[in-house]
Amino acid sequence: MENANEENRCPLMSDKAAKITKNEVLYVSRLARLDLTDTETERMTDNINDILSYMEKLGEVDTTNVPPMTHAIPKENVMRPDAVVPFTDTSEILANAPESKNTLFKVPKVIE
């Protein structure tokens, strides 16, 4: 089984140092109410250490000429712009309400 784990490992992780311990994985699994077996705990420890090592490698990349972005690909807002328009037919608006009274929405009382 260990050979299979080594074969599936990213080559960048070969020189990794332990970042998270088995006890820390067990602690977090208890917080998450996960009952991990010993095999799952070992695998989770290895996986998290792989992720942390990879993040460390990414931190070494020179990004000085790369502009900050929020998405990996360009995104555009697909929503229409807000526009204030006059509206006089309150009955059409109130038709969507579960309950109304006169020209108002009726909502459950939330404050005693």
N, C-alpha and C. Protein backbone atom coordinates (compact mmCIF):
# COMPACT_ATOMS: atom_id res chain seq x y z
N MET A 1 0.82 -1.20 0.00
CA MET A 1 0.00 0.00 0.00
C MET A 1 0.87 1.26 0.00
N GLU A 2 1.99 1.24 0.73
CA GLU A 2 2.84 2.42 0.77
C GLU A 2 3.42 2.74 -0.60
N ASN A 3 3.76 1.71 -1.38
CA ASN A 3 4.27 1.94 -2.72
C ASN A 3 3.23 2.65 -3.58
N ALA A 4 1.98 2.26 -3.46
CA ALA A 4 0.91 2.90 -4.23
C ALA A 4 0.81 4.37 -3.86
N ASN A 5 0.92 4.70 -2.56
CA ASN A 5 0.88 6.09 -2.13
C ASN A 5 2.06 6.87 -2.71
N GLU A 6 3.24 6.28 -2.72
CA GLU A 6 4.43 6.96 -3.25
C GLU A 6 4.30 7.20 -4.75
N GLU A 7 3.69 6.25 -5.48
CA GLU A 7 3.53 6.41 -6.92
C GLU A 7 2.55 7.53 -7.26
N ASN A 8 1.53 7.74 -6.43
CA ASN A 8 0.52 8.76 -6.69
C ASN A 8 0.94 10.15 -6.22
N ARG A 9 2.04 10.25 -5.57
CA ARG A 9 2.50 11.52 -5.01
C ARG A 9 3.05 12.43 -6.10
N CYS A 10 2.79 13.69 -5.98
CA CYS A 10 3.33 14.69 -6.90
C CYS A 10 4.86 14.74 -6.74
N PRO A 11 5.62 14.81 -7.84
CA PRO A 11 7.08 14.82 -7.73
C PRO A 11 7.62 16.02 -6.96
N LEU A 12 6.87 17.09 -6.90
CA LEU A 12 7.31 18.27 -6.16
C LEU A 12 7.38 18.01 -4.65
N MET A 13 6.70 16.97 -4.19
CA MET A 13 6.59 16.70 -2.76
C MET A 13 7.69 15.81 -2.21
N SER A 14 8.63 15.39 -3.03
CA SER A 14 9.61 14.40 -2.59
C SER A 14 10.48 14.90 -1.44
N ASP A 15 10.75 16.20 -1.37
CA ASP A 15 11.63 16.72 -0.32
C ASP A 15 10.85 17.40 0.80
N LYS A 16 9.62 17.00 0.98
CA LYS A 16 8.78 17.70 1.95
C LYS A 16 9.14 17.35 3.39
N ALA A 17 8.96 18.32 4.25
CA ALA A 17 9.10 18.10 5.69
C ALA A 17 7.68 18.05 6.25
N ALA A 18 7.48 17.32 7.35
CA ALA A 18 6.15 17.20 7.93
C ALA A 18 5.65 18.57 8.37
N LYS A 19 4.46 18.90 7.94
CA LYS A 19 3.84 20.18 8.28
C LYS A 19 2.75 20.01 9.33
N ILE A 20 2.10 18.86 9.29
CA ILE A 20 0.99 18.61 10.21
C ILE A 20 1.19 17.19 10.75
N THR A 21 0.89 17.02 12.00
CA THR A 21 1.12 15.72 12.63
C THR A 21 -0.16 14.88 12.62
N LYS A 22 0.01 13.61 12.88
CA LYS A 22 -1.13 12.70 12.97
C LYS A 22 -2.06 13.14 14.11
N ASN A 23 -1.47 13.61 15.22
CA ASN A 23 -2.29 14.07 16.34
C ASN A 23 -3.13 15.29 15.97
N GLU A 24 -2.59 16.18 15.14
CA GLU A 24 -3.36 17.34 14.70
C GLU A 24 -4.51 16.92 13.80
N VAL A 25 -4.28 15.94 12.95
CA VAL A 25 -5.36 15.41 12.10
C VAL A 25 -6.44 14.78 12.96
N LEU A 26 -6.04 14.02 13.96
CA LEU A 26 -7.01 13.40 14.87
C LEU A 26 -7.81 14.46 15.62
N TYR A 27 -7.13 15.52 16.06
CA TYR A 27 -7.80 16.61 16.78
C TYR A 27 -8.86 17.27 15.89
N VAL A 28 -8.47 17.60 14.66
CA VAL A 28 -9.41 18.25 13.74
C VAL A 28 -10.55 17.29 13.37
N SER A 29 -10.23 16.03 13.20
CA SER A 29 -11.30 15.07 12.87
C SER A 29 -12.31 14.95 14.01
N ARG A 30 -11.83 15.02 15.25
CA ARG A 30 -12.77 15.01 16.39
C ARG A 30 -13.64 16.27 16.38
N LEU A 31 -13.04 17.42 16.07
CA LEU A 31 -13.82 18.65 16.00
C LEU A 31 -14.90 18.57 14.92
N ALA A 32 -14.56 17.90 13.82
CA ALA A 32 -15.50 17.74 12.71
C ALA A 32 -16.42 16.54 12.91
N ARG A 33 -16.26 15.86 14.04
CA ARG A 33 -17.04 14.67 14.35
C ARG A 33 -16.90 13.59 13.28
N LEU A 34 -15.65 13.41 12.84
CA LEU A 34 -15.32 12.36 11.88
C LEU A 34 -14.61 11.24 12.62
N ASP A 35 -15.03 10.05 12.39
CA ASP A 35 -14.42 8.89 13.01
C ASP A 35 -13.50 8.24 11.97
N LEU A 36 -12.23 8.66 11.95
CA LEU A 36 -11.28 8.16 10.96
C LEU A 36 -10.58 6.90 11.48
N THR A 37 -10.38 5.95 10.58
CA THR A 37 -9.60 4.77 10.93
C THR A 37 -8.12 5.17 10.91
N ASP A 38 -7.25 4.28 11.39
CA ASP A 38 -5.82 4.57 11.37
C ASP A 38 -5.32 4.78 9.95
N THR A 39 -5.81 3.99 9.02
CA THR A 39 -5.41 4.13 7.62
C THR A 39 -5.87 5.47 7.06
N GLU A 40 -7.11 5.85 7.36
CA GLU A 40 -7.63 7.14 6.88
C GLU A 40 -6.86 8.31 7.49
N THR A 41 -6.50 8.18 8.76
CA THR A 41 -5.74 9.23 9.43
C THR A 41 -4.37 9.40 8.78
N GLU A 42 -3.70 8.29 8.50
CA GLU A 42 -2.40 8.35 7.83
C GLU A 42 -2.53 8.99 6.46
N ARG A 43 -3.54 8.53 5.70
CA ARG A 43 -3.74 9.06 4.35
C ARG A 43 -4.06 10.55 4.39
N MET A 44 -4.90 10.96 5.34
CA MET A 44 -5.27 12.37 5.48
C MET A 44 -4.05 13.21 5.86
N THR A 45 -3.23 12.70 6.76
CA THR A 45 -2.00 13.40 7.16
C THR A 45 -1.10 13.59 5.95
N ASP A 46 -0.91 12.53 5.17
CA ASP A 46 -0.08 12.63 3.97
C ASP A 46 -0.67 13.62 2.96
N ASN A 47 -1.98 13.54 2.75
CA ASN A 47 -2.63 14.44 1.79
C ASN A 47 -2.50 15.90 2.20
N ILE A 48 -2.74 16.19 3.47
CA ILE A 48 -2.64 17.57 3.94
C ILE A 48 -1.20 18.07 3.83
N ASN A 49 -0.25 17.21 4.18
CA ASN A 49 1.16 17.59 4.05
C ASN A 49 1.53 17.83 2.59
N ASP A 50 1.00 17.03 1.67
CA ASP A 50 1.23 17.26 0.25
C ASP A 50 0.70 18.63 -0.17
N ILE A 51 -0.50 18.95 0.27
CA ILE A 51 -1.11 20.24 -0.07
C ILE A 51 -0.28 21.39 0.49
N LEU A 52 0.12 21.28 1.75
CA LEU A 52 0.91 22.34 2.37
C LEU A 52 2.27 22.50 1.69
N SER A 53 2.89 21.40 1.31
CA SER A 53 4.17 21.47 0.62
C SER A 53 4.01 22.11 -0.75
N TYR A 54 2.94 21.77 -1.43
CA TYR A 54 2.69 22.37 -2.74
C TYR A 54 2.45 23.87 -2.60
N MET A 55 1.71 24.26 -1.57
CA MET A 55 1.48 25.69 -1.34
C MET A 55 2.80 26.40 -1.06
N GLU A 56 3.70 25.74 -0.35
CA GLU A 56 5.01 26.31 -0.09
C GLU A 56 5.78 26.51 -1.40
N LYS A 57 5.69 25.52 -2.29
CA LYS A 57 6.33 25.63 -3.61
C LYS A 57 5.73 26.79 -4.40
N LEU A 58 4.41 26.94 -4.35
CA LEU A 58 3.76 28.04 -5.06
C LEU A 58 4.21 29.39 -4.51
N GLY A 59 4.50 29.44 -3.21
CA GLY A 59 4.97 30.67 -2.59
C GLY A 59 6.34 31.10 -3.09
N GLU A 60 7.08 30.19 -3.69
CA GLU A 60 8.40 30.51 -4.22
C GLU A 60 8.34 31.11 -5.62
N VAL A 61 7.18 31.06 -6.26
CA VAL A 61 7.05 31.56 -7.62
C VAL A 61 7.10 33.09 -7.61
N ASP A 62 7.87 33.66 -8.55
CA ASP A 62 7.99 35.11 -8.66
C ASP A 62 6.74 35.67 -9.34
N THR A 63 5.96 36.44 -8.60
CA THR A 63 4.72 37.01 -9.12
C THR A 63 4.77 38.54 -9.14
N THR A 64 5.97 39.10 -9.17
CA THR A 64 6.08 40.57 -9.10
C THR A 64 5.42 41.27 -10.27
N ASN A 65 5.42 40.68 -11.46
CA ASN A 65 4.81 41.33 -12.63
C ASN A 65 3.43 40.77 -12.96
N VAL A 66 2.83 40.05 -12.04
CA VAL A 66 1.51 39.48 -12.25
C VAL A 66 0.49 40.32 -11.48
N PRO A 67 -0.47 40.92 -12.19
CA PRO A 67 -1.45 41.74 -11.48
C PRO A 67 -2.38 40.88 -10.62
N PRO A 68 -2.81 41.40 -9.48
CA PRO A 68 -3.74 40.64 -8.63
C PRO A 68 -5.07 40.45 -9.38
N MET A 69 -5.70 39.30 -9.14
CA MET A 69 -6.99 39.04 -9.76
C MET A 69 -7.85 38.20 -8.83
N THR A 70 -9.14 38.24 -9.07
CA THR A 70 -10.06 37.47 -8.23
C THR A 70 -10.44 36.15 -8.87
N HIS A 71 -10.25 36.03 -10.19
CA HIS A 71 -10.59 34.80 -10.90
C HIS A 71 -9.46 34.44 -11.85
N ALA A 72 -9.31 33.16 -12.11
CA ALA A 72 -8.27 32.70 -13.03
C ALA A 72 -8.60 33.06 -14.47
N ILE A 73 -9.88 33.21 -14.76
CA ILE A 73 -10.29 33.61 -16.11
C ILE A 73 -11.10 34.89 -15.98
N PRO A 74 -11.15 35.71 -17.03
CA PRO A 74 -11.92 36.97 -16.95
C PRO A 74 -13.39 36.70 -16.67
N LYS A 75 -13.95 37.45 -15.75
CA LYS A 75 -15.37 37.32 -15.40
C LYS A 75 -16.04 38.67 -15.61
N GLU A 76 -17.27 38.62 -16.07
CA GLU A 76 -18.06 39.84 -16.21
C GLU A 76 -19.36 39.65 -15.45
N ASN A 77 -19.86 40.74 -14.92
CA ASN A 77 -21.12 40.70 -14.21
C ASN A 77 -22.24 40.49 -15.23
N VAL A 78 -23.02 39.45 -15.04
CA VAL A 78 -24.08 39.13 -16.00
C VAL A 78 -25.43 39.70 -15.56
N MET A 79 -25.44 40.42 -14.44
CA MET A 79 -26.71 40.97 -13.97
C MET A 79 -26.96 42.33 -14.61
N ARG A 80 -28.21 42.66 -14.73
CA ARG A 80 -28.56 43.95 -15.30
C ARG A 80 -28.22 45.06 -14.31
N PRO A 81 -27.99 46.26 -14.79
CA PRO A 81 -27.70 47.36 -13.86
C PRO A 81 -28.97 47.75 -13.10
N ASP A 82 -28.79 48.19 -11.86
CA ASP A 82 -29.92 48.68 -11.08
C ASP A 82 -30.41 50.00 -11.67
N ALA A 83 -31.70 50.12 -11.79
CA ALA A 83 -32.28 51.37 -12.28
C ALA A 83 -33.55 51.63 -11.48
N VAL A 84 -33.69 52.84 -10.99
CA VAL A 84 -34.89 53.23 -10.25
C VAL A 84 -35.96 53.59 -11.27
N VAL A 85 -37.10 52.90 -11.14
CA VAL A 85 -38.22 53.18 -12.04
C VAL A 85 -39.46 53.39 -11.20
N PRO A 86 -40.31 54.29 -11.63
CA PRO A 86 -41.54 54.52 -10.86
C PRO A 86 -42.47 53.30 -10.97
N PHE A 87 -43.13 52.99 -9.86
CA PHE A 87 -44.05 51.85 -9.84
C PHE A 87 -45.26 52.24 -9.01
N THR A 88 -46.41 52.18 -9.62
CA THR A 88 -47.61 52.62 -8.90
C THR A 88 -48.58 51.49 -8.60
N ASP A 89 -48.41 50.34 -9.22
CA ASP A 89 -49.35 49.24 -9.02
C ASP A 89 -48.89 48.35 -7.86
N THR A 90 -49.23 48.74 -6.62
CA THR A 90 -48.81 47.96 -5.45
C THR A 90 -49.48 46.60 -5.39
N SER A 91 -50.65 46.45 -5.99
CA SER A 91 -51.33 45.15 -5.95
C SER A 91 -50.50 44.10 -6.68
N GLU A 92 -49.80 44.48 -7.73
CA GLU A 92 -48.95 43.53 -8.46
C GLU A 92 -47.77 43.07 -7.59
N ILE A 93 -47.20 43.98 -6.82
CA ILE A 93 -46.10 43.63 -5.92
C ILE A 93 -46.62 42.75 -4.79
N LEU A 94 -47.74 43.15 -4.18
CA LEU A 94 -48.29 42.41 -3.05
C LEU A 94 -48.82 41.03 -3.46
N ALA A 95 -49.04 40.80 -4.72
CA ALA A 95 -49.50 39.49 -5.19
C ALA A 95 -48.45 38.42 -4.92
N ASN A 96 -47.18 38.81 -4.81
CA ASN A 96 -46.10 37.86 -4.53
C ASN A 96 -45.91 37.60 -3.04
N ALA A 97 -46.56 38.37 -2.20
CA ALA A 97 -46.38 38.24 -0.75
C ALA A 97 -47.27 37.12 -0.20
N PRO A 98 -46.74 36.35 0.78
CA PRO A 98 -47.59 35.33 1.41
C PRO A 98 -48.78 35.96 2.13
N GLU A 99 -48.54 37.14 2.74
CA GLU A 99 -49.62 37.86 3.46
C GLU A 99 -49.41 39.35 3.30
N SER A 100 -50.50 40.09 3.21
CA SER A 100 -50.40 41.55 3.14
C SER A 100 -51.58 42.16 3.88
N LYS A 101 -51.40 43.42 4.23
CA LYS A 101 -52.46 44.16 4.91
C LYS A 101 -52.47 45.56 4.31
N ASN A 102 -53.59 45.95 3.74
CA ASN A 102 -53.72 47.22 3.01
C ASN A 102 -52.66 47.25 1.90
N THR A 103 -51.71 48.17 1.99
CA THR A 103 -50.67 48.27 0.95
C THR A 103 -49.30 47.86 1.50
N LEU A 104 -49.29 47.02 2.54
CA LEU A 104 -48.05 46.64 3.19
C LEU A 104 -47.86 45.12 3.20
N PHE A 105 -46.61 44.70 3.27
CA PHE A 105 -46.31 43.29 3.49
C PHE A 105 -46.54 42.97 4.96
N LYS A 106 -47.20 41.86 5.24
CA LYS A 106 -47.41 41.44 6.62
C LYS A 106 -46.42 40.32 6.91
N VAL A 107 -45.60 40.54 7.96
CA VAL A 107 -44.56 39.57 8.30
C VAL A 107 -44.75 39.11 9.74
N PRO A 108 -44.21 37.94 10.08
CA PRO A 108 -44.33 37.48 11.47
C PRO A 108 -43.58 38.40 12.43
N LYS A 109 -44.10 38.50 13.64
CA LYS A 109 -43.47 39.30 14.67
C LYS A 109 -42.17 38.61 15.10
N VAL A 110 -41.07 39.38 15.14
CA VAL A 110 -39.79 38.78 15.52
C VAL A 110 -39.25 39.34 16.83
N ILE A 111 -39.84 40.40 17.33
CA ILE A 111 -39.41 41.02 18.59
C ILE A 111 -40.55 40.93 19.57
N GLU A 112 -40.24 40.44 20.76
CA GLU A 112 -41.26 40.32 21.80
C GLU A 112 -41.53 41.65 22.44
